[in-house]
C-alpha cells in the first residue's frame, strides 16, 4: 500500500488511532465512573447485534498460526491475572493492537471498547469507535458489518456526550452513517457533515472529509474545490495534499496529480 493510499484511509477514520496504537503511548486518565454506569453503556452497545465477540474470536483463532495463537494466549492469560484498572488497560491495549495487526479490527474494537469502559474518557471512546469504523470499511460479511456499525455508533455517541465540542467525534460518527447508511435515513451522514460545514465553514477536517466522500462518488471537481480551500487554510496539511493527488488523478489532471503525489510521499 502506498503512502497516498494510507493517508486517504486515515482521513476516513479520524486521528485518534495514532494516540492508541503508537508504541509506548500512555493511555488517558481513568474516570470515576461507577460500575453501574459502565454496565449501562455496555448493555446499550450490545442491543440488536447480529453476532458476538465469542463467535468472532472463535472464527479468528481458527485461522491463526501456532505462533500467533501462542501470543494471543499469553496476552489473555496476563489479562485474566490482572486486577488493577491501569494495568488492565495496558493489557487490553496489547490485545487490541495485536488483533488489529493480525487483521481483525472487529476484535480490536472490542478490546478498545473494554478500555473505554474502564477509562471513561472521550478519547478512549473515540478510539473504540474509529477502530470499529475500520472494521465496517473492511468487513465483507454483513453480520460483521452490522456488529461493527452498531458498536461504532454507540462508542462515538459516548465520545460526543463527553466532549461535544470536539468536531472529530462528530465527523467520525457521520462517516459511520455514510459507510453503512440506514434504509430509513440514507442521507444522514452526508447531512451531518453539511451541517458541520455550515457551522464551521473553515474547518479543514470537515472540508477534507466532504472532499474524500466526493472523491468516492466521482465528484472530483467538487473535491478539488474543497481541498484547494483547505490548502489555503493549512498549507502543510498532509491529508489535504494526499487527497488532492487522488482528486486530480480522478479528474484526469496527470500533472497536478503527480505534483501532489510527490508532495504526499515526501512527507
C-alpha atoms as a PDB file:
ATOM      1  CA  UNK A   1       0.000   0.000   0.000  1.00  0.00           C
ATOM      2  CA  UNK A   2       1.369   3.419  -0.946  1.00  0.00           C
ATOM      3  CA  UNK A   3       1.604   6.354   1.405  1.00  0.00           C
ATOM      4  CA  UNK A   4      -1.115   8.094  -0.600  1.00  0.00           C
ATOM      5  CA  UNK A   5      -3.485   5.169  -0.034  1.00  0.00           C
ATOM      6  CA  UNK A   6      -2.698   5.076   3.680  1.00  0.00           C
ATOM      7  CA  UNK A   7      -3.451   8.785   4.082  1.00  0.00           C
ATOM      8  CA  UNK A   8      -6.740   8.501   2.201  1.00  0.00           C
ATOM      9  CA  UNK A   9      -7.783   5.718   4.598  1.00  0.00           C
ATOM     10  CA  UNK A  10      -6.619   7.716   7.619  1.00  0.00           C
ATOM     11  CA  UNK A  11      -8.966  10.621   6.949  1.00  0.00           C
ATOM     12  CA  UNK A  12     -11.877   8.166   6.936  1.00  0.00           C
ATOM     13  CA  UNK A  13     -11.328   7.015  10.475  1.00  0.00           C
ATOM     14  CA  UNK A  14     -10.091  10.097  12.320  1.00  0.00           C
ATOM     15  CA  UNK A  15      -6.797  10.756  14.019  1.00  0.00           C
ATOM     16  CA  UNK A  16      -7.210   9.249  17.457  1.00  0.00           C
ATOM     17  CA  UNK A  17      -5.948   5.817  16.476  1.00  0.00           C
ATOM     18  CA  UNK A  18      -2.481   7.332  16.388  1.00  0.00           C
ATOM     19  CA  UNK A  19      -2.802   8.021  20.099  1.00  0.00           C
ATOM     20  CA  UNK A  20      -3.772   4.446  20.791  1.00  0.00           C
ATOM     21  CA  UNK A  21      -1.671   2.162  18.647  1.00  0.00           C
ATOM     22  CA  UNK A  22       1.537   4.153  18.992  1.00  0.00           C
ATOM     23  CA  UNK A  23       4.315   2.350  20.827  1.00  0.00           C
ATOM     24  CA  UNK A  24       4.844   3.406  24.439  1.00  0.00           C
ATOM     25  CA  UNK A  25       1.967   5.905  24.290  1.00  0.00           C
ATOM     26  CA  UNK A  26       0.419   6.427  27.732  1.00  0.00           C
ATOM     27  CA  UNK A  27      -3.320   5.977  27.877  1.00  0.00           C
ATOM     28  CA  UNK A  28      -5.808   8.512  29.120  1.00  0.00           C
ATOM     29  CA  UNK A  29      -6.663   9.039  32.780  1.00  0.00           C
ATOM     30  CA  UNK A  30      -9.290   6.939  34.454  1.00  0.00           C
ATOM     31  CA  UNK A  31     -12.674   8.372  35.213  1.00  0.00           C
ATOM     32  CA  UNK A  32     -14.593   7.986  38.428  1.00  0.00           C
ATOM     33  CA  UNK A  33     -17.466   6.365  36.557  1.00  0.00           C
ATOM     34  CA  UNK A  34     -19.363   3.770  38.609  1.00  0.00           C
ATOM     35  CA  UNK A  35     -19.662   0.119  37.668  1.00  0.00           C
ATOM     36  CA  UNK A  36     -23.383   0.684  37.155  1.00  0.00           C
ATOM     37  CA  UNK A  37     -22.708   3.399  34.588  1.00  0.00           C
ATOM     38  CA  UNK A  38     -20.170   1.207  32.806  1.00  0.00           C
ATOM     39  CA  UNK A  39     -22.617  -1.699  32.638  1.00  0.00           C
ATOM     40  CA  UNK A  40     -25.343   0.579  31.285  1.00  0.00           C
ATOM     41  CA  UNK A  41     -23.064   1.688  28.452  1.00  0.00           C
ATOM     42  CA  UNK A  42     -22.087  -1.897  27.695  1.00  0.00           C
ATOM     43  CA  UNK A  43     -25.715  -3.057  27.639  1.00  0.00           C
ATOM     44  CA  UNK A  44     -26.613  -0.274  25.235  1.00  0.00           C
ATOM     45  CA  UNK A  45     -23.908  -1.282  22.774  1.00  0.00           C
ATOM     46  CA  UNK A  46     -24.966  -4.955  22.839  1.00  0.00           C
ATOM     47  CA  UNK A  47     -28.542  -4.341  21.784  1.00  0.00           C
ATOM     48  CA  UNK A  48     -29.705  -5.814  18.462  1.00  0.00           C
ATOM     49  CA  UNK A  49     -26.333  -7.257  17.468  1.00  0.00           C
ATOM     50  CA  UNK A  50     -26.010  -9.689  14.586  1.00  0.00           C
ATOM     51  CA  UNK A  51     -23.042 -11.575  16.096  1.00  0.00           C
ATOM     52  CA  UNK A  52     -20.984 -11.509  19.298  1.00  0.00           C
ATOM     53  CA  UNK A  53     -17.368 -11.465  20.390  1.00  0.00           C
ATOM     54  CA  UNK A  54     -17.257 -15.189  21.227  1.00  0.00           C
ATOM     55  CA  UNK A  55     -18.160 -16.063  17.628  1.00  0.00           C
ATOM     56  CA  UNK A  56     -15.666 -13.556  16.244  1.00  0.00           C
ATOM     57  CA  UNK A  57     -12.879 -14.860  18.480  1.00  0.00           C
ATOM     58  CA  UNK A  58     -13.625 -18.491  17.653  1.00  0.00           C
ATOM     59  CA  UNK A  59     -13.534 -17.844  13.910  1.00  0.00           C
ATOM     60  CA  UNK A  60     -10.433 -15.660  14.095  1.00  0.00           C
ATOM     61  CA  UNK A  61      -8.446 -18.025  16.302  1.00  0.00           C
ATOM     62  CA  UNK A  62      -9.132 -20.954  13.996  1.00  0.00           C
ATOM     63  CA  UNK A  63      -7.149 -19.189  11.265  1.00  0.00           C
ATOM     64  CA  UNK A  64      -4.120 -18.225  13.393  1.00  0.00           C
ATOM     65  CA  UNK A  65      -0.704 -19.815  13.127  1.00  0.00           C
ATOM     66  CA  UNK A  66       0.782 -21.609  16.125  1.00  0.00           C
ATOM     67  CA  UNK A  67       2.983 -18.622  16.934  1.00  0.00           C
ATOM     68  CA  UNK A  68       0.066 -16.200  16.687  1.00  0.00           C
ATOM     69  CA  UNK A  69      -2.141 -18.411  18.832  1.00  0.00           C
ATOM     70  CA  UNK A  70       0.569 -18.622  21.469  1.00  0.00           C
ATOM     71  CA  UNK A  71       0.948 -14.855  21.538  1.00  0.00           C
ATOM     72  CA  UNK A  72      -2.796 -14.313  21.963  1.00  0.00           C
ATOM     73  CA  UNK A  73      -2.971 -16.992  24.672  1.00  0.00           C
ATOM     74  CA  UNK A  74      -0.240 -15.334  26.713  1.00  0.00           C
ATOM     75  CA  UNK A  75      -1.900 -11.927  26.433  1.00  0.00           C
ATOM     76  CA  UNK A  76      -5.251 -13.365  27.501  1.00  0.00           C
ATOM     77  CA  UNK A  77      -3.643 -15.108  30.453  1.00  0.00           C
ATOM     78  CA  UNK A  78      -1.924 -11.905  31.544  1.00  0.00           C
ATOM     79  CA  UNK A  79      -5.216 -10.036  31.334  1.00  0.00           C
ATOM     80  CA  UNK A  80      -7.017 -12.694  33.389  1.00  0.00           C
ATOM     81  CA  UNK A  81      -4.390 -12.366  36.127  1.00  0.00           C
ATOM     82  CA  UNK A  82      -4.532  -8.548  36.229  1.00  0.00           C
ATOM     83  CA  UNK A  83      -6.903  -6.732  38.584  1.00  0.00           C
ATOM     84  CA  UNK A  84      -5.809  -3.079  38.762  1.00  0.00           C
ATOM     85  CA  UNK A  85      -7.542  -0.866  36.202  1.00  0.00           C
ATOM     86  CA  UNK A  86      -4.405   0.884  34.948  1.00  0.00           C
ATOM     87  CA  UNK A  87      -2.632  -2.445  34.455  1.00  0.00           C
ATOM     88  CA  UNK A  88      -5.695  -3.944  32.758  1.00  0.00           C
ATOM     89  CA  UNK A  89      -5.737  -1.035  30.318  1.00  0.00           C
ATOM     90  CA  UNK A  90      -2.156  -1.828  29.328  1.00  0.00           C
ATOM     91  CA  UNK A  91      -3.023  -5.491  28.773  1.00  0.00           C
ATOM     92  CA  UNK A  92      -6.142  -4.585  26.803  1.00  0.00           C
ATOM     93  CA  UNK A  93      -4.112  -2.185  24.668  1.00  0.00           C
ATOM     94  CA  UNK A  94      -1.742  -5.001  23.772  1.00  0.00           C
ATOM     95  CA  UNK A  95      -4.615  -7.341  22.904  1.00  0.00           C
ATOM     96  CA  UNK A  96      -6.365  -4.724  20.829  1.00  0.00           C
ATOM     97  CA  UNK A  97      -3.213  -3.726  18.981  1.00  0.00           C
ATOM     98  CA  UNK A  98      -2.254  -7.352  18.336  1.00  0.00           C
ATOM     99  CA  UNK A  99      -5.653  -8.244  16.886  1.00  0.00           C
ATOM    100  CA  UNK A 100      -5.562  -5.099  14.765  1.00  0.00           C
ATOM    101  CA  UNK A 101      -2.136  -6.072  13.401  1.00  0.00           C
ATOM    102  CA  UNK A 102      -3.497  -9.553  12.671  1.00  0.00           C
ATOM    103  CA  UNK A 103      -6.227  -8.034  10.511  1.00  0.00           C
ATOM    104  CA  UNK A 104      -9.211  -8.342  12.864  1.00  0.00           C
ATOM    105  CA  UNK A 105     -10.420  -4.789  13.623  1.00  0.00           C
ATOM    106  CA  UNK A 106     -13.748  -6.073  14.984  1.00  0.00           C
ATOM    107  CA  UNK A 107     -11.915  -7.850  17.810  1.00  0.00           C
ATOM    108  CA  UNK A 108      -9.501  -4.935  18.214  1.00  0.00           C
ATOM    109  CA  UNK A 109     -12.554  -2.700  18.616  1.00  0.00           C
ATOM    110  CA  UNK A 110     -13.993  -4.973  21.282  1.00  0.00           C
ATOM    111  CA  UNK A 111     -10.863  -4.657  23.428  1.00  0.00           C
ATOM    112  CA  UNK A 112     -10.670  -0.913  22.741  1.00  0.00           C
ATOM    113  CA  UNK A 113     -14.241  -0.688  23.999  1.00  0.00           C
ATOM    114  CA  UNK A 114     -13.253  -2.588  27.141  1.00  0.00           C
ATOM    115  CA  UNK A 115     -10.603   0.083  27.705  1.00  0.00           C
ATOM    116  CA  UNK A 116     -13.146   2.847  27.215  1.00  0.00           C
ATOM    117  CA  UNK A 117     -15.482   1.292  29.752  1.00  0.00           C
ATOM    118  CA  UNK A 118     -12.669   1.448  32.307  1.00  0.00           C
ATOM    119  CA  UNK A 119     -11.134   4.790  31.364  1.00  0.00           C
ATOM    120  CA  UNK A 120     -14.411   6.583  30.652  1.00  0.00           C
ATOM    121  CA  UNK A 121     -12.787   9.327  28.554  1.00  0.00           C
ATOM    122  CA  UNK A 122     -13.944  10.846  25.282  1.00  0.00           C
ATOM    123  CA  UNK A 123     -10.633   9.901  23.679  1.00  0.00           C
ATOM    124  CA  UNK A 124     -10.919   6.253  24.645  1.00  0.00           C
ATOM    125  CA  UNK A 125     -14.473   6.045  23.297  1.00  0.00           C
ATOM    126  CA  UNK A 126     -13.342   7.738  20.105  1.00  0.00           C
ATOM    127  CA  UNK A 127     -10.581   5.172  19.665  1.00  0.00           C
ATOM    128  CA  UNK A 128     -13.083   2.351  20.096  1.00  0.00           C
ATOM    129  CA  UNK A 129     -15.441   3.983  17.627  1.00  0.00           C
ATOM    130  CA  UNK A 130     -12.816   4.591  14.961  1.00  0.00           C
ATOM    131  CA  UNK A 131     -11.488   1.043  15.340  1.00  0.00           C
ATOM    132  CA  UNK A 132     -14.979  -0.308  14.745  1.00  0.00           C
ATOM    133  CA  UNK A 133     -15.247   2.051  11.758  1.00  0.00           C
ATOM    134  CA  UNK A 134     -12.189   0.429  10.189  1.00  0.00           C
ATOM    135  CA  UNK A 135     -13.935  -2.916  10.686  1.00  0.00           C
ATOM    136  CA  UNK A 136     -17.018  -1.526   8.964  1.00  0.00           C
ATOM    137  CA  UNK A 137     -14.925  -0.408   5.997  1.00  0.00           C
ATOM    138  CA  UNK A 138     -13.061  -3.681   5.660  1.00  0.00           C
ATOM    139  CA  UNK A 139     -15.599  -6.368   6.575  1.00  0.00           C
ATOM    140  CA  UNK A 140     -17.352  -8.283   3.813  1.00  0.00           C
ATOM    141  CA  UNK A 141     -19.778 -10.302   5.941  1.00  0.00           C
ATOM    142  CA  UNK A 142     -22.971  -8.361   6.553  1.00  0.00           C
ATOM    143  CA  UNK A 143     -23.352  -9.610  10.134  1.00  0.00           C
ATOM    144  CA  UNK A 144     -19.845  -8.361  10.981  1.00  0.00           C
ATOM    145  CA  UNK A 145     -20.524  -5.013   9.297  1.00  0.00           C
ATOM    146  CA  UNK A 146     -23.706  -4.612  11.342  1.00  0.00           C
ATOM    147  CA  UNK A 147     -21.891  -5.578  14.538  1.00  0.00           C
ATOM    148  CA  UNK A 148     -19.156  -3.007  13.954  1.00  0.00           C
ATOM    149  CA  UNK A 149     -21.541  -0.324  12.736  1.00  0.00           C
ATOM    150  CA  UNK A 150     -23.741  -0.523  15.824  1.00  0.00           C
ATOM    151  CA  UNK A 151     -20.803  -0.501  18.194  1.00  0.00           C
ATOM    152  CA  UNK A 152     -19.101   2.345  16.333  1.00  0.00           C
ATOM    153  CA  UNK A 153     -22.206   4.498  16.654  1.00  0.00           C
ATOM    154  CA  UNK A 154     -22.564   3.718  20.362  1.00  0.00           C
ATOM    155  CA  UNK A 155     -18.891   4.430  21.100  1.00  0.00           C
ATOM    156  CA  UNK A 156     -18.797   7.683  19.152  1.00  0.00           C
ATOM    157  CA  UNK A 157     -22.040   8.872  20.720  1.00  0.00           C
ATOM    158  CA  UNK A 158     -20.382   8.320  24.107  1.00  0.00           C
ATOM    159  CA  UNK A 159     -17.358  10.335  22.942  1.00  0.00           C
ATOM    160  CA  UNK A 160     -19.617  13.172  21.779  1.00  0.00           C
ATOM    161  CA  UNK A 161     -21.563  13.201  25.041  1.00  0.00           C
ATOM    162  CA  UNK A 162     -18.310  13.520  26.990  1.00  0.00           C
ATOM    163  CA  UNK A 163     -16.702  16.092  24.671  1.00  0.00           C
ATOM    164  CA  UNK A 164     -19.363  17.730  22.487  1.00  0.00           C
ATOM    165  CA  UNK A 165     -17.001  20.466  21.309  1.00  0.00           C
ATOM    166  CA  UNK A 166     -14.586  18.062  19.618  1.00  0.00           C
ATOM    167  CA  UNK A 167     -15.614  18.066  15.951  1.00  0.00           C
ATOM    168  CA  UNK A 168     -13.566  14.956  15.141  1.00  0.00           C
ATOM    169  CA  UNK A 169     -16.002  12.792  17.122  1.00  0.00           C
ATOM    170  CA  UNK A 170     -18.944  14.166  15.133  1.00  0.00           C
ATOM    171  CA  UNK A 171     -17.106  13.783  11.837  1.00  0.00           C
ATOM    172  CA  UNK A 172     -16.262  10.178  12.645  1.00  0.00           C
ATOM    173  CA  UNK A 173     -19.885   9.439  13.560  1.00  0.00           C
ATOM    174  CA  UNK A 174     -21.053  10.894  10.257  1.00  0.00           C
ATOM    175  CA  UNK A 175     -18.610   8.588   8.461  1.00  0.00           C
ATOM    176  CA  UNK A 176     -20.163   5.546  10.108  1.00  0.00           C
ATOM    177  CA  UNK A 177     -23.524   6.569   8.691  1.00  0.00           C
ATOM    178  CA  UNK A 178     -22.049   7.149   5.236  1.00  0.00           C
ATOM    179  CA  UNK A 179     -20.289   3.766   5.306  1.00  0.00           C
ATOM    180  CA  UNK A 180     -23.435   1.942   6.399  1.00  0.00           C
ATOM    181  CA  UNK A 181     -26.442   4.115   5.510  1.00  0.00           C
ATOM    182  CA  UNK A 182     -29.767   3.282   7.086  1.00  0.00           C
ATOM    183  CA  UNK A 183     -32.557   2.355   4.646  1.00  0.00           C
ATOM    184  CA  UNK A 184     -34.803   4.732   6.590  1.00  0.00           C
ATOM    185  CA  UNK A 185     -32.366   7.656   6.502  1.00  0.00           C
ATOM    186  CA  UNK A 186     -29.680   7.058   3.845  1.00  0.00           C
ATOM    187  CA  UNK A 187     -28.502  10.692   3.726  1.00  0.00           C
ATOM    188  CA  UNK A 188     -27.971  11.067   7.464  1.00  0.00           C
ATOM    189  CA  UNK A 189     -24.160  11.007   7.344  1.00  0.00           C
ATOM    190  CA  UNK A 190     -23.924  13.475   4.468  1.00  0.00           C
ATOM    191  CA  UNK A 191     -26.413  15.826   6.098  1.00  0.00           C
ATOM    192  CA  UNK A 192     -24.456  15.720   9.355  1.00  0.00           C
ATOM    193  CA  UNK A 193     -21.293  16.728   7.511  1.00  0.00           C
ATOM    194  CA  UNK A 194     -23.056  19.506   5.649  1.00  0.00           C
ATOM    195  CA  UNK A 195     -24.434  20.879   8.906  1.00  0.00           C
ATOM    196  CA  UNK A 196     -20.943  20.789  10.412  1.00  0.00           C
ATOM    197  CA  UNK A 197     -19.593  22.565   7.342  1.00  0.00           C
ATOM    198  CA  UNK A 198     -22.230  25.284   7.637  1.00  0.00           C
ATOM    199  CA  UNK A 199     -21.459  25.767  11.323  1.00  0.00           C
ATOM    200  CA  UNK A 200     -17.674  25.597  10.801  1.00  0.00           C
ATOM    201  CA  UNK A 201     -17.008  26.720   7.199  1.00  0.00           C
ATOM    202  CA  UNK A 202     -13.243  26.970   7.680  1.00  0.00           C
ATOM    203  CA  UNK A 203     -12.688  23.679   9.454  1.00  0.00           C
ATOM    204  CA  UNK A 204     -10.147  21.696   7.439  1.00  0.00           C
ATOM    205  CA  UNK A 205     -11.124  18.305   8.877  1.00  0.00           C
ATOM    206  CA  UNK A 206     -14.746  18.752   7.836  1.00  0.00           C
ATOM    207  CA  UNK A 207     -13.826  20.010   4.363  1.00  0.00           C
ATOM    208  CA  UNK A 208     -11.348  17.183   3.842  1.00  0.00           C
ATOM    209  CA  UNK A 209     -13.929  14.616   4.882  1.00  0.00           C
ATOM    210  CA  UNK A 210     -16.513  16.032   2.482  1.00  0.00           C
ATOM    211  CA  UNK A 211     -13.859  16.032  -0.236  1.00  0.00           C
ATOM    212  CA  UNK A 212     -12.983  12.414   0.447  1.00  0.00           C
ATOM    213  CA  UNK A 213     -16.637  11.442   0.065  1.00  0.00           C
ATOM    214  CA  UNK A 214     -16.807  13.459  -3.150  1.00  0.00           C
ATOM    215  CA  UNK A 215     -13.805  11.511  -4.470  1.00  0.00           C
ATOM    216  CA  UNK A 216     -15.505   8.265  -3.504  1.00  0.00           C
ATOM    217  CA  UNK A 217     -18.602   9.210  -5.525  1.00  0.00           C
ATOM    218  CA  UNK A 218     -16.666  10.529  -8.521  1.00  0.00           C
ATOM    219  CA  UNK A 219     -17.312  14.234  -7.864  1.00  0.00           C
ATOM    220  CA  UNK A 220     -13.689  15.146  -8.464  1.00  0.00           C
ATOM    221  CA  UNK A 221     -14.166  18.819  -9.361  1.00  0.00           C
ATOM    222  CA  UNK A 222     -16.157  19.399  -6.174  1.00  0.00           C
ATOM    223  CA  UNK A 223     -13.495  17.600  -4.169  1.00  0.00           C
ATOM    224  CA  UNK A 224     -10.728  19.710  -5.706  1.00  0.00           C
ATOM    225  CA  UNK A 225     -12.628  22.908  -4.906  1.00  0.00           C
ATOM    226  CA  UNK A 226     -12.912  21.956  -1.240  1.00  0.00           C
ATOM    227  CA  UNK A 227      -9.353  20.699  -0.981  1.00  0.00           C
ATOM    228  CA  UNK A 228      -7.815  23.770  -2.575  1.00  0.00           C
ATOM    229  CA  UNK A 229      -9.679  25.839   0.005  1.00  0.00           C
ATOM    230  CA  UNK A 230      -8.363  23.534   2.752  1.00  0.00           C
ATOM    231  CA  UNK A 231      -4.838  24.032   1.431  1.00  0.00           C
ATOM    232  CA  UNK A 232      -5.250  27.801   1.629  1.00  0.00           C
ATOM    233  CA  UNK A 233      -6.156  27.451   5.296  1.00  0.00           C
ATOM    234  CA  UNK A 234      -3.461  24.894   6.159  1.00  0.00           C
ATOM    235  CA  UNK A 235      -0.717  24.640   3.551  1.00  0.00           C
ATOM    236  CA  UNK A 236       1.127  21.881   5.434  1.00  0.00           C
ATOM    237  CA  UNK A 237      -1.824  19.544   5.976  1.00  0.00           C
ATOM    238  CA  UNK A 238      -0.628  16.168   4.713  1.00  0.00           C
ATOM    239  CA  UNK A 239      -4.118  14.725   4.429  1.00  0.00           C
ATOM    240  CA  UNK A 240      -5.193  17.599   2.162  1.00  0.00           C
ATOM    241  CA  UNK A 241      -2.136  17.163  -0.049  1.00  0.00           C
ATOM    242  CA  UNK A 242      -2.656  13.420  -0.430  1.00  0.00           C
ATOM    243  CA  UNK A 243      -6.361  13.767  -1.103  1.00  0.00           C
ATOM    244  CA  UNK A 244      -5.602  16.382  -3.766  1.00  0.00           C
ATOM    245  CA  UNK A 245      -3.382  13.837  -5.503  1.00  0.00           C
ATOM    246  CA  UNK A 246      -6.293  11.395  -5.590  1.00  0.00           C
ATOM    247  CA  UNK A 247      -8.794  14.066  -6.670  1.00  0.00           C
ATOM    248  CA  UNK A 248      -6.640  15.338  -9.539  1.00  0.00           C
ATOM    249  CA  UNK A 249      -5.933  11.757 -10.581  1.00  0.00           C
ATOM    250  CA  UNK A 250      -9.656  11.091 -10.771  1.00  0.00           C
ATOM    251  CA  UNK A 251     -10.237  14.310 -12.684  1.00  0.00           C
ATOM    252  CA  UNK A 252      -7.655  13.264 -15.267  1.00  0.00           C
ATOM    253  CA  UNK A 253      -5.151  16.022 -14.488  1.00  0.00           C
ATOM    254  CA  UNK A 254      -1.983  13.908 -14.522  1.00  0.00           C
ATOM    255  CA  UNK A 255       0.422  16.793 -13.959  1.00  0.00           C
ATOM    256  CA  UNK A 256      -1.350  18.061 -10.849  1.00  0.00           C
ATOM    257  CA  UNK A 257      -1.843  14.513  -9.590  1.00  0.00           C
ATOM    258  CA  UNK A 258       1.877  13.802  -9.928  1.00  0.00           C
ATOM    259  CA  UNK A 259       2.773  17.089  -8.224  1.00  0.00           C
ATOM    260  CA  UNK A 260       0.629  16.393  -5.182  1.00  0.00           C
ATOM    261  CA  UNK A 261       1.520  12.701  -5.082  1.00  0.00           C
ATOM    262  CA  UNK A 262       5.203  13.656  -4.888  1.00  0.00           C
ATOM    263  CA  UNK A 263       4.429  16.043  -2.015  1.00  0.00           C
ATOM    264  CA  UNK A 264       2.324  13.388  -0.297  1.00  0.00           C
ATOM    265  CA  UNK A 265       5.021  10.734  -0.480  1.00  0.00           C
ATOM    266  CA  UNK A 266       7.765  13.162   0.518  1.00  0.00           C
ATOM    267  CA  UNK A 267       6.179  13.981   3.890  1.00  0.00           C
END
